[in-house]
Amino acid sequence: MRTMKNPTSFILFFIILSLFHNNLMGTEMVILNGTVYTVDPNSPVVEAIAISGNRIIAIGTNQEISKLITPSTTVISADHK
């Protein structure tokens, strides 16, 4: 039986892989024209969010988040609700 001599490097590899996962997958969904209340005191209300997998990967203005749209991104308009 082989034992792992340095489990820290193995764990570090998976942490780095998970950090780059969103960049590899791209933005799956964008919701524009909304009213999104955040817990960020610097941006308490934003109008758009970008989602990849089960994570919100970005929040901001319609213009900022629109830059993340690719041909495979699902785009939804919240009609300012």
PDB file of N, CA and C in Angstrom:
ATOM      1  N   MET A   1       0.847  -1.175   0.000  1.00  0.00           N
ATOM      2  CA  MET A   1       0.000   0.000   0.000  1.00  0.00           C
ATOM      3  C   MET A   1       0.892   1.239   0.000  1.00  0.00           C
ATOM      4  N   ARG A   2       0.535   2.192  -0.891  1.00  0.00           N
ATOM      5  CA  ARG A   2       1.295   3.445  -0.944  1.00  0.00           C
ATOM      6  C   ARG A   2       0.632   4.468  -0.038  1.00  0.00           C
ATOM      7  N   THR A   3       1.437   5.215   0.640  1.00  0.00           N
ATOM      8  CA  THR A   3       0.904   6.301   1.462  1.00  0.00           C
ATOM      9  C   THR A   3       1.282   7.625   0.823  1.00  0.00           C
ATOM     10  N   MET A   4       0.450   8.598   1.020  1.00  0.00           N
ATOM     11  CA  MET A   4       0.710   9.915   0.479  1.00  0.00           C
ATOM     12  C   MET A   4       1.706  10.626   1.381  1.00  0.00           C
ATOM     13  N   LYS A   5       2.834  11.036   0.801  1.00  0.00           N
ATOM     14  CA  LYS A   5       3.873  11.680   1.598  1.00  0.00           C
ATOM     15  C   LYS A   5       3.537  13.132   1.911  1.00  0.00           C
ATOM     16  N   ASN A   6       2.821  13.782   1.005  1.00  0.00           N
ATOM     17  CA  ASN A   6       2.510  15.190   1.225  1.00  0.00           C
ATOM     18  C   ASN A   6       1.041  15.447   0.879  1.00  0.00           C
ATOM     19  N   PRO A   7       0.142  15.179   1.809  1.00  0.00           N
ATOM     20  CA  PRO A   7      -1.285  15.392   1.514  1.00  0.00           C
ATOM     21  C   PRO A   7      -1.629  16.859   1.308  1.00  0.00           C
ATOM     22  N   THR A   8      -0.810  17.771   1.814  1.00  0.00           N
ATOM     23  CA  THR A   8      -1.080  19.194   1.660  1.00  0.00           C
ATOM     24  C   THR A   8      -1.061  19.587   0.187  1.00  0.00           C
ATOM     25  N   SER A   9      -0.119  19.070  -0.578  1.00  0.00           N
ATOM     26  CA  SER A   9      -0.056  19.417  -2.002  1.00  0.00           C
ATOM     27  C   SER A   9      -1.271  18.868  -2.747  1.00  0.00           C
ATOM     28  N   PHE A  10      -1.763  17.711  -2.345  1.00  0.00           N
ATOM     29  CA  PHE A  10      -2.954  17.124  -2.946  1.00  0.00           C
ATOM     30  C   PHE A  10      -4.175  18.005  -2.678  1.00  0.00           C
ATOM     31  N   ILE A  11      -4.323  18.451  -1.455  1.00  0.00           N
ATOM     32  CA  ILE A  11      -5.439  19.332  -1.076  1.00  0.00           C
ATOM     33  C   ILE A  11      -5.320  20.671  -1.783  1.00  0.00           C
ATOM     34  N   LEU A  12      -4.119  21.212  -1.849  1.00  0.00           N
ATOM     35  CA  LEU A  12      -3.885  22.491  -2.516  1.00  0.00           C
ATOM     36  C   LEU A  12      -4.261  22.411  -3.990  1.00  0.00           C
ATOM     37  N   PHE A  13      -3.954  21.300  -4.636  1.00  0.00           N
ATOM     38  CA  PHE A  13      -4.317  21.101  -6.038  1.00  0.00           C
ATOM     39  C   PHE A  13      -5.826  21.226  -6.232  1.00  0.00           C
ATOM     40  N   PHE A  14      -6.608  20.597  -5.373  1.00  0.00           N
ATOM     41  CA  PHE A  14      -8.064  20.653  -5.518  1.00  0.00           C
ATOM     42  C   PHE A  14      -8.628  22.024  -5.162  1.00  0.00           C
ATOM     43  N   ILE A  15      -8.004  22.736  -4.262  1.00  0.00           N
ATOM     44  CA  ILE A  15      -8.444  24.101  -3.964  1.00  0.00           C
ATOM     45  C   ILE A  15      -8.221  24.988  -5.179  1.00  0.00           C
ATOM     46  N   ILE A  16      -7.052  24.893  -5.789  1.00  0.00           N
ATOM     47  CA  ILE A  16      -6.755  25.697  -6.976  1.00  0.00           C
ATOM     48  C   ILE A  16      -7.683  25.310  -8.125  1.00  0.00           C
ATOM     49  N   LEU A  17      -7.925  24.026  -8.296  1.00  0.00           N
ATOM     50  CA  LEU A  17      -8.831  23.563  -9.345  1.00  0.00           C
ATOM     51  C   LEU A  17     -10.231  24.127  -9.151  1.00  0.00           C
ATOM     52  N   SER A  18     -10.717  24.155  -7.918  1.00  0.00           N
ATOM     53  CA  SER A  18     -12.059  24.681  -7.668  1.00  0.00           C
ATOM     54  C   SER A  18     -12.121  26.190  -7.899  1.00  0.00           C
ATOM     55  N   LEU A  19     -11.020  26.905  -7.645  1.00  0.00           N
ATOM     56  CA  LEU A  19     -11.001  28.347  -7.879  1.00  0.00           C
ATOM     57  C   LEU A  19     -11.102  28.672  -9.363  1.00  0.00           C
ATOM     58  N   PHE A  20     -10.499  27.842 -10.199  1.00  0.00           N
ATOM     59  CA  PHE A  20     -10.524  28.070 -11.633  1.00  0.00           C
ATOM     60  C   PHE A  20     -11.717  27.422 -12.322  1.00  0.00           C
ATOM     61  N   HIS A  21     -12.495  26.663 -11.591  1.00  0.00           N
ATOM     62  CA  HIS A  21     -13.637  25.959 -12.168  1.00  0.00           C
ATOM     63  C   HIS A  21     -14.605  26.916 -12.849  1.00  0.00           C
ATOM     64  N   ASN A  22     -14.921  28.029 -12.203  1.00  0.00           N
ATOM     65  CA  ASN A  22     -15.869  28.982 -12.791  1.00  0.00           C
ATOM     66  C   ASN A  22     -15.336  29.572 -14.083  1.00  0.00           C
ATOM     67  N   ASN A  23     -14.027  29.840 -14.140  1.00  0.00           N
ATOM     68  CA  ASN A  23     -13.454  30.392 -15.359  1.00  0.00           C
ATOM     69  C   ASN A  23     -13.483  29.374 -16.489  1.00  0.00           C
ATOM     70  N   LEU A  24     -13.323  28.109 -16.178  1.00  0.00           N
ATOM     71  CA  LEU A  24     -13.337  27.077 -17.198  1.00  0.00           C
ATOM     72  C   LEU A  24     -14.739  26.864 -17.747  1.00  0.00           C
ATOM     73  N   MET A  25     -15.732  26.926 -16.883  1.00  0.00           N
ATOM     74  CA  MET A  25     -17.109  26.686 -17.299  1.00  0.00           C
ATOM     75  C   MET A  25     -17.716  27.909 -17.972  1.00  0.00           C
ATOM     76  N   GLY A  26     -17.286  29.088 -17.626  1.00  0.00           N
ATOM     77  CA  GLY A  26     -17.879  30.303 -18.149  1.00  0.00           C
ATOM     78  C   GLY A  26     -19.123  30.672 -17.360  1.00  0.00           C
ATOM     79  N   THR A  27     -19.748  31.741 -17.762  1.00  0.00           N
ATOM     80  CA  THR A  27     -20.954  32.211 -17.103  1.00  0.00           C
ATOM     81  C   THR A  27     -22.148  31.464 -17.691  1.00  0.00           C
ATOM     82  N   GLU A  28     -22.840  30.717 -16.848  1.00  0.00           N
ATOM     83  CA  GLU A  28     -23.974  29.926 -17.322  1.00  0.00           C
ATOM     84  C   GLU A  28     -25.250  30.745 -17.444  1.00  0.00           C
ATOM     85  N   MET A  29     -25.454  31.682 -16.505  1.00  0.00           N
ATOM     86  CA  MET A  29     -26.690  32.461 -16.503  1.00  0.00           C
ATOM     87  C   MET A  29     -26.401  33.884 -16.042  1.00  0.00           C
ATOM     88  N   VAL A  30     -27.099  34.828 -16.667  1.00  0.00           N
ATOM     89  CA  VAL A  30     -27.009  36.233 -16.275  1.00  0.00           C
ATOM     90  C   VAL A  30     -28.441  36.731 -16.097  1.00  0.00           C
ATOM     91  N   ILE A  31     -28.680  37.434 -15.009  1.00  0.00           N
ATOM     92  CA  ILE A  31     -29.974  38.066 -14.779  1.00  0.00           C
ATOM     93  C   ILE A  31     -29.730  39.574 -14.794  1.00  0.00           C
ATOM     94  N   LEU A  32     -30.371  40.250 -15.733  1.00  0.00           N
ATOM     95  CA  LEU A  32     -30.216  41.692 -15.913  1.00  0.00           C
ATOM     96  C   LEU A  32     -31.502  42.410 -15.527  1.00  0.00           C
ATOM     97  N   ASN A  33     -31.418  43.716 -15.374  1.00  0.00           N
ATOM     98  CA  ASN A  33     -32.579  44.584 -15.138  1.00  0.00           C
ATOM     99  C   ASN A  33     -33.338  44.215 -13.870  1.00  0.00           C
ATOM    100  N   GLY A  34     -32.624  43.867 -12.838  1.00  0.00           N
ATOM    101  CA  GLY A  34     -33.272  43.497 -11.586  1.00  0.00           C
ATOM    102  C   GLY A  34     -32.993  44.494 -10.481  1.00  0.00           C
ATOM    103  N   THR A  35     -33.512  44.188  -9.323  1.00  0.00           N
ATOM    104  CA  THR A  35     -33.200  44.912  -8.095  1.00  0.00           C
ATOM    105  C   THR A  35     -32.727  43.860  -7.108  1.00  0.00           C
ATOM    106  N   VAL A  36     -31.424  43.785  -6.920  1.00  0.00           N
ATOM    107  CA  VAL A  36     -30.821  42.753  -6.088  1.00  0.00           C
ATOM    108  C   VAL A  36     -30.225  43.421  -4.847  1.00  0.00           C
ATOM    109  N   TYR A  37     -30.723  43.050  -3.684  1.00  0.00           N
ATOM    110  CA  TYR A  37     -30.224  43.588  -2.428  1.00  0.00           C
ATOM    111  C   TYR A  37     -29.094  42.683  -1.932  1.00  0.00           C
ATOM    112  N   THR A  38     -27.946  43.291  -1.642  1.00  0.00           N
ATOM    113  CA  THR A  38     -26.773  42.537  -1.207  1.00  0.00           C
ATOM    114  C   THR A  38     -26.466  42.840   0.256  1.00  0.00           C
ATOM    115  N   VAL A  39     -25.498  42.132   0.792  1.00  0.00           N
ATOM    116  CA  VAL A  39     -25.032  42.416   2.154  1.00  0.00           C
ATOM    117  C   VAL A  39     -23.731  43.213   2.110  1.00  0.00           C
ATOM    118  N   ASP A  40     -23.374  43.717   0.932  1.00  0.00           N
ATOM    119  CA  ASP A  40     -22.171  44.509   0.749  1.00  0.00           C
ATOM    120  C   ASP A  40     -22.498  45.982   0.966  1.00  0.00           C
ATOM    121  N   PRO A  41     -21.957  46.614   2.019  1.00  0.00           N
ATOM    122  CA  PRO A  41     -22.274  48.019   2.269  1.00  0.00           C
ATOM    123  C   PRO A  41     -21.798  48.954   1.150  1.00  0.00           C
ATOM    124  N   ASN A  42     -20.821  48.540   0.356  1.00  0.00           N
ATOM    125  CA  ASN A  42     -20.337  49.365  -0.749  1.00  0.00           C
ATOM    126  C   ASN A  42     -21.261  49.281  -1.973  1.00  0.00           C
ATOM    127  N   SER A  43     -22.018  48.212  -2.075  1.00  0.00           N
ATOM    128  CA  SER A  43     -22.977  48.026  -3.172  1.00  0.00           C
ATOM    129  C   SER A  43     -24.245  47.389  -2.616  1.00  0.00           C
ATOM    130  N   PRO A  44     -25.047  48.148  -1.862  1.00  0.00           N
ATOM    131  CA  PRO A  44     -26.216  47.545  -1.216  1.00  0.00           C
ATOM    132  C   PRO A  44     -27.294  47.075  -2.192  1.00  0.00           C
ATOM    133  N   VAL A  45     -27.374  47.708  -3.367  1.00  0.00           N
ATOM    134  CA  VAL A  45     -28.356  47.309  -4.377  1.00  0.00           C
ATOM    135  C   VAL A  45     -27.644  47.291  -5.737  1.00  0.00           C
ATOM    136  N   VAL A  46     -27.790  46.185  -6.460  1.00  0.00           N
ATOM    137  CA  VAL A  46     -27.236  46.081  -7.812  1.00  0.00           C
ATOM    138  C   VAL A  46     -28.359  45.674  -8.762  1.00  0.00           C
ATOM    139  N   GLU A  47     -28.097  45.790 -10.067  1.00  0.00           N
ATOM    140  CA  GLU A  47     -29.142  45.478 -11.030  1.00  0.00           C
ATOM    141  C   GLU A  47     -28.918  44.196 -11.814  1.00  0.00           C
ATOM    142  N   ALA A  48     -27.752  43.541 -11.614  1.00  0.00           N
ATOM    143  CA  ALA A  48     -27.485  42.337 -12.398  1.00  0.00           C
ATOM    144  C   ALA A  48     -26.594  41.371 -11.624  1.00  0.00           C
ATOM    145  N   ILE A  49     -26.760  40.065 -11.931  1.00  0.00           N
ATOM    146  CA  ILE A  49     -25.908  39.032 -11.339  1.00  0.00           C
ATOM    147  C   ILE A  49     -25.515  38.028 -12.416  1.00  0.00           C
ATOM    148  N   ALA A  50     -24.349  37.410 -12.207  1.00  0.00           N
ATOM    149  CA  ALA A  50     -23.874  36.349 -13.091  1.00  0.00           C
ATOM    150  C   ALA A  50     -23.723  35.085 -12.256  1.00  0.00           C
ATOM    151  N   ILE A  51     -24.135  33.956 -12.832  1.00  0.00           N
ATOM    152  CA  ILE A  51     -24.147  32.681 -12.114  1.00  0.00           C
ATOM    153  C   ILE A  51     -23.395  31.635 -12.925  1.00  0.00           C
ATOM    154  N   SER A  52     -22.606  30.828 -12.228  1.00  0.00           N
ATOM    155  CA  SER A  52     -21.950  29.681 -12.839  1.00  0.00           C
ATOM    156  C   SER A  52     -22.091  28.505 -11.885  1.00  0.00           C
ATOM    157  N   GLY A  53     -22.658  27.435 -12.364  1.00  0.00           N
ATOM    158  CA  GLY A  53     -22.917  26.292 -11.478  1.00  0.00           C
ATOM    159  C   GLY A  53     -23.934  26.694 -10.440  1.00  0.00           C
ATOM    160  N   ASN A  54     -23.593  26.522  -9.182  1.00  0.00           N
ATOM    161  CA  ASN A  54     -24.492  26.916  -8.099  1.00  0.00           C
ATOM    162  C   ASN A  54     -23.951  28.120  -7.338  1.00  0.00           C
ATOM    163  N   ARG A  55     -23.144  28.924  -8.005  1.00  0.00           N
ATOM    164  CA  ARG A  55     -22.530  30.087  -7.349  1.00  0.00           C
ATOM    165  C   ARG A  55     -22.803  31.377  -8.098  1.00  0.00           C
ATOM    166  N   ILE A  56     -23.021  32.428  -7.339  1.00  0.00           N
ATOM    167  CA  ILE A  56     -23.057  33.771  -7.913  1.00  0.00           C
ATOM    168  C   ILE A  56     -21.601  34.180  -8.066  1.00  0.00           C
ATOM    169  N   ILE A  57     -21.185  34.459  -9.301  1.00  0.00           N
ATOM    170  CA  ILE A  57     -19.778  34.771  -9.537  1.00  0.00           C
ATOM    171  C   ILE A  57     -19.511  36.258  -9.694  1.00  0.00           C
ATOM    172  N   ALA A  58     -20.570  37.053  -9.927  1.00  0.00           N
ATOM    173  CA  ALA A  58     -20.387  38.500 -10.045  1.00  0.00           C
ATOM    174  C   ALA A  58     -21.710  39.207  -9.846  1.00  0.00           C
ATOM    175  N   ILE A  59     -21.626  40.417  -9.308  1.00  0.00           N
ATOM    176  CA  ILE A  59     -22.780  41.301  -9.181  1.00  0.00           C
ATOM    177  C   ILE A  59     -22.357  42.666  -9.683  1.00  0.00           C
ATOM    178  N   GLY A  60     -23.306  43.455 -10.175  1.00  0.00           N
ATOM    179  CA  GLY A  60     -22.958  44.790 -10.631  1.00  0.00           C
ATOM    180  C   GLY A  60     -24.034  45.399 -11.492  1.00  0.00           C
ATOM    181  N   THR A  61     -23.613  46.324 -12.329  1.00  0.00           N
ATOM    182  CA  THR A  61     -24.541  46.987 -13.241  1.00  0.00           C
ATOM    183  C   THR A  61     -24.808  46.073 -14.432  1.00  0.00           C
ATOM    184  N   ASN A  62     -25.854  46.397 -15.185  1.00  0.00           N
ATOM    185  CA  ASN A  62     -26.138  45.651 -16.410  1.00  0.00           C
ATOM    186  C   ASN A  62     -24.931  45.672 -17.345  1.00  0.00           C
ATOM    187  N   GLN A  63     -24.310  46.839 -17.463  1.00  0.00           N
ATOM    188  CA  GLN A  63     -23.165  46.995 -18.356  1.00  0.00           C
ATOM    189  C   GLN A  63     -21.987  46.119 -17.906  1.00  0.00           C
ATOM    190  N   GLU A  64     -21.699  46.089 -16.609  1.00  0.00           N
ATOM    191  CA  GLU A  64     -20.590  45.278 -16.095  1.00  0.00           C
ATOM    192  C   GLU A  64     -20.833  43.789 -16.310  1.00  0.00           C
ATOM    193  N   ILE A  65     -22.026  43.331 -15.974  1.00  0.00           N
ATOM    194  CA  ILE A  65     -22.330  41.905 -16.045  1.00  0.00           C
ATOM    195  C   ILE A  65     -22.516  41.450 -17.496  1.00  0.00           C
ATOM    196  N   SER A  66     -22.975  42.331 -18.369  1.00  0.00           N
ATOM    197  CA  SER A  66     -23.141  41.974 -19.780  1.00  0.00           C
ATOM    198  C   SER A  66     -21.816  41.576 -20.429  1.00  0.00           C
ATOM    199  N   LYS A  67     -20.718  42.064 -19.909  1.00  0.00           N
ATOM    200  CA  LYS A  67     -19.396  41.709 -20.446  1.00  0.00           C
ATOM    201  C   LYS A  67     -19.068  40.237 -20.230  1.00  0.00           C
ATOM    202  N   LEU A  68     -19.772  39.579 -19.323  1.00  0.00           N
ATOM    203  CA  LEU A  68     -19.519  38.171 -19.013  1.00  0.00           C
ATOM    204  C   LEU A  68     -20.354  37.216 -19.866  1.00  0.00           C
ATOM    205  N   ILE A  69     -21.247  37.755 -20.686  1.00  0.00           N
ATOM    206  CA  ILE A  69     -22.130  36.922 -21.500  1.00  0.00           C
ATOM    207  C   ILE A  69     -21.355  36.304 -22.661  1.00  0.00           C
ATOM    208  N   THR A  70     -21.539  34.998 -22.820  1.00  0.00           N
ATOM    209  CA  THR A  70     -20.961  34.260 -23.945  1.00  0.00           C
ATOM    210  C   THR A  70     -22.110  33.701 -24.780  1.00  0.00           C
ATOM    211  N   PRO A  71     -21.822  33.105 -25.933  1.00  0.00           N
ATOM    212  CA  PRO A  71     -22.908  32.526 -26.741  1.00  0.00           C
ATOM    213  C   PRO A  71     -23.707  31.444 -26.010  1.00  0.00           C
ATOM    214  N   SER A  72     -23.106  30.784 -25.028  1.00  0.00           N
ATOM    215  CA  SER A  72     -23.833  29.717 -24.325  1.00  0.00           C
ATOM    216  C   SER A  72     -24.496  30.185 -23.034  1.00  0.00           C
ATOM    217  N   THR A  73     -24.407  31.472 -22.722  1.00  0.00           N
ATOM    218  CA  THR A  73     -24.998  32.005 -21.495  1.00  0.00           C
ATOM    219  C   THR A  73     -26.508  32.198 -21.649  1.00  0.00           C
ATOM    220  N   THR A  74     -27.270  31.753 -20.658  1.00  0.00           N
ATOM    221  CA  THR A  74     -28.703  32.032 -20.618  1.00  0.00           C
ATOM    222  C   THR A  74     -28.886  33.419 -20.023  1.00  0.00           C
ATOM    223  N   VAL A  75     -29.591  34.285 -20.722  1.00  0.00           N
ATOM    224  CA  VAL A  75     -29.800  35.663 -20.265  1.00  0.00           C
ATOM    225  C   VAL A  75     -31.281  35.848 -19.935  1.00  0.00           C
ATOM    226  N   ILE A  76     -31.524  36.349 -18.725  1.00  0.00           N
ATOM    227  CA  ILE A  76     -32.889  36.581 -18.251  1.00  0.00           C
ATOM    228  C   ILE A  76     -33.018  38.058 -17.874  1.00  0.00           C
ATOM    229  N   SER A  77     -34.120  38.674 -18.278  1.00  0.00           N
ATOM    230  CA  SER A  77     -34.420  40.034 -17.866  1.00  0.00           C
ATOM    231  C   SER A  77     -35.441  39.976 -16.744  1.00  0.00           C
ATOM    232  N   ALA A  78     -35.112  40.610 -15.622  1.00  0.00           N
ATOM    233  CA  ALA A  78     -36.022  40.625 -14.480  1.00  0.00           C
ATOM    234  C   ALA A  78     -37.050  41.756 -14.573  1.00  0.00           C
ATOM    235  N   ASP A  79     -36.995  42.518 -15.640  1.00  0.00           N
ATOM    236  CA  ASP A  79     -37.965  43.604 -15.872  1.00  0.00           C
ATOM    237  C   ASP A  79     -38.057  44.560 -14.687  1.00  0.00           C
ATOM    238  N   HIS A  80     -36.930  44.858 -14.078  1.00  0.00           N
ATOM    239  CA  HIS A  80     -36.814  45.815 -12.961  1.00  0.00           C
ATOM    240  C   HIS A  80     -37.676  45.434 -11.763  1.00  0.00           C
ATOM    241  N   LYS A  81     -37.807  44.137 -11.516  1.00  0.00           N
ATOM    242  CA  LYS A  81     -38.567  43.657 -10.351  1.00  0.00           C
ATOM    243  C   LYS A  81     -37.628  43.297  -9.242  1.00  0.00           C
TER     244      LYS A  81
END
